[in-house]
Amino acid sequence: MNISLPEALKAFVDEQVAGRGYGTSSEYVRELIRRDQDRQKLRSLLLQGASSPPTAPVDDAFFQSLRARVGSR
């Protein structure tokens, strides 16, 4: 895959590669794609949670119970 960029964007990518420890511009672009995938997955999970039915309130007792279950493992 080849990507054409205007000179200003190419310069920006080159600065990011040099300044942030990427070996090549391809590594930088791959990292951007991975971050976008993560962002989209998080957005999907947040939307699923927002559209799900309400649950019991989360209070101190809930967290104490959770700590007890984790501590017993």
C-alpha atoms as a PDB file:
ATOM      1  CA  MET A   1       0.000   0.000   0.000  1.00  0.00           C
ATOM      2  CA  ASN A   2       1.303   3.416  -0.895  1.00  0.00           C
ATOM      3  CA  ILE A   3      -0.002   6.629   0.597  1.00  0.00           C
ATOM      4  CA  SER A   4       0.532  10.043  -0.928  1.00  0.00           C
ATOM      5  CA  LEU A   5       0.720  12.966   1.475  1.00  0.00           C
ATOM      6  CA  PRO A   6       1.000  16.682   0.908  1.00  0.00           C
ATOM      7  CA  GLU A   7       4.411  18.044   1.856  1.00  0.00           C
ATOM      8  CA  ALA A   8       3.181  19.515   5.158  1.00  0.00           C
ATOM      9  CA  LEU A   9       1.785  16.172   6.325  1.00  0.00           C
ATOM     10  CA  LYS A  10       4.888  14.311   5.147  1.00  0.00           C
ATOM     11  CA  ALA A  11       7.045  16.708   7.166  1.00  0.00           C
ATOM     12  CA  PHE A  12       4.833  16.143  10.213  1.00  0.00           C
ATOM     13  CA  VAL A  13       5.117  12.357   9.874  1.00  0.00           C
ATOM     14  CA  ASP A  14       8.887  12.614   9.452  1.00  0.00           C
ATOM     15  CA  GLU A  15       9.089  14.733  12.638  1.00  0.00           C
ATOM     16  CA  GLN A  16       7.026  12.169  14.547  1.00  0.00           C
ATOM     17  CA  VAL A  17       9.200   9.313  13.312  1.00  0.00           C
ATOM     18  CA  ALA A  18      12.402  11.105  14.283  1.00  0.00           C
ATOM     19  CA  GLY A  19      11.175  12.523  17.567  1.00  0.00           C
ATOM     20  CA  ARG A  20       9.172   9.621  18.966  1.00  0.00           C
ATOM     21  CA  GLY A  21      11.437   6.689  18.257  1.00  0.00           C
ATOM     22  CA  TYR A  22       9.723   5.064  15.308  1.00  0.00           C
ATOM     23  CA  GLY A  23      12.028   3.301  12.869  1.00  0.00           C
ATOM     24  CA  THR A  24      10.012   4.167   9.786  1.00  0.00           C
ATOM     25  CA  SER A  25       6.957   6.113   8.737  1.00  0.00           C
ATOM     26  CA  SER A  26       5.204   2.762   8.250  1.00  0.00           C
ATOM     27  CA  GLU A  27       5.638   1.981  11.952  1.00  0.00           C
ATOM     28  CA  TYR A  28       4.123   5.352  12.820  1.00  0.00           C
ATOM     29  CA  VAL A  29       1.125   4.806  10.531  1.00  0.00           C
ATOM     30  CA  ARG A  30       0.587   1.273  11.894  1.00  0.00           C
ATOM     31  CA  GLU A  31       0.540   2.701  15.431  1.00  0.00           C
ATOM     32  CA  LEU A  32      -2.042   5.304  14.387  1.00  0.00           C
ATOM     33  CA  ILE A  33      -4.217   2.584  12.867  1.00  0.00           C
ATOM     34  CA  ARG A  34      -3.961   0.439  16.018  1.00  0.00           C
ATOM     35  CA  ARG A  35      -4.926   3.413  18.183  1.00  0.00           C
ATOM     36  CA  ASP A  36      -7.898   4.128  15.945  1.00  0.00           C
ATOM     37  CA  GLN A  37      -8.989   0.491  16.199  1.00  0.00           C
ATOM     38  CA  ASP A  38      -8.740   0.712  19.999  1.00  0.00           C
ATOM     39  CA  ARG A  39     -10.694   3.983  20.004  1.00  0.00           C
ATOM     40  CA  GLN A  40     -13.455   2.489  17.860  1.00  0.00           C
ATOM     41  CA  LYS A  41     -13.661  -0.621  20.070  1.00  0.00           C
ATOM     42  CA  LEU A  42     -13.881   1.526  23.205  1.00  0.00           C
ATOM     43  CA  ARG A  43     -16.576   3.683  21.608  1.00  0.00           C
ATOM     44  CA  SER A  44     -18.554   0.567  20.711  1.00  0.00           C
ATOM     45  CA  LEU A  45     -18.296  -0.769  24.269  1.00  0.00           C
ATOM     46  CA  LEU A  46     -19.342   2.581  25.731  1.00  0.00           C
ATOM     47  CA  LEU A  47     -22.359   2.755  23.427  1.00  0.00           C
ATOM     48  CA  GLN A  48     -23.328  -0.814  24.332  1.00  0.00           C
ATOM     49  CA  GLY A  49     -23.087   0.068  28.006  1.00  0.00           C
ATOM     50  CA  ALA A  50     -25.087   3.248  27.553  1.00  0.00           C
ATOM     51  CA  SER A  51     -27.884   1.391  25.806  1.00  0.00           C
ATOM     52  CA  SER A  52     -27.985  -1.523  28.255  1.00  0.00           C
ATOM     53  CA  PRO A  53     -30.623  -1.702  30.963  1.00  0.00           C
ATOM     54  CA  PRO A  54     -29.783  -0.215  34.361  1.00  0.00           C
ATOM     55  CA  THR A  55     -28.330  -2.488  37.020  1.00  0.00           C
ATOM     56  CA  ALA A  56     -28.282  -2.386  40.788  1.00  0.00           C
ATOM     57  CA  PRO A  57     -26.517   0.661  42.217  1.00  0.00           C
ATOM     58  CA  VAL A  58     -22.809   0.300  42.832  1.00  0.00           C
ATOM     59  CA  ASP A  59     -22.060   1.261  46.418  1.00  0.00           C
ATOM     60  CA  ASP A  60     -19.491   0.521  49.129  1.00  0.00           C
ATOM     61  CA  ALA A  61     -21.044  -2.884  49.797  1.00  0.00           C
ATOM     62  CA  PHE A  62     -20.591  -3.856  46.151  1.00  0.00           C
ATOM     63  CA  PHE A  63     -16.887  -2.992  46.227  1.00  0.00           C
ATOM     64  CA  GLN A  64     -16.366  -4.750  49.569  1.00  0.00           C
ATOM     65  CA  SER A  65     -17.972  -7.860  48.128  1.00  0.00           C
ATOM     66  CA  LEU A  66     -15.781  -7.598  45.057  1.00  0.00           C
ATOM     67  CA  ARG A  67     -12.627  -7.232  47.183  1.00  0.00           C
ATOM     68  CA  ALA A  68     -13.643 -10.265  49.247  1.00  0.00           C
ATOM     69  CA  ARG A  69     -14.136 -12.391  46.117  1.00  0.00           C
ATOM     70  CA  VAL A  70     -10.803 -11.311  44.647  1.00  0.00           C
ATOM     71  CA  GLY A  71      -9.015 -11.766  47.984  1.00  0.00           C
ATOM     72  CA  SER A  72     -10.269 -15.330  48.343  1.00  0.00           C
ATOM     73  CA  ARG A  73      -8.663 -16.431  45.077  1.00  0.00           C
END
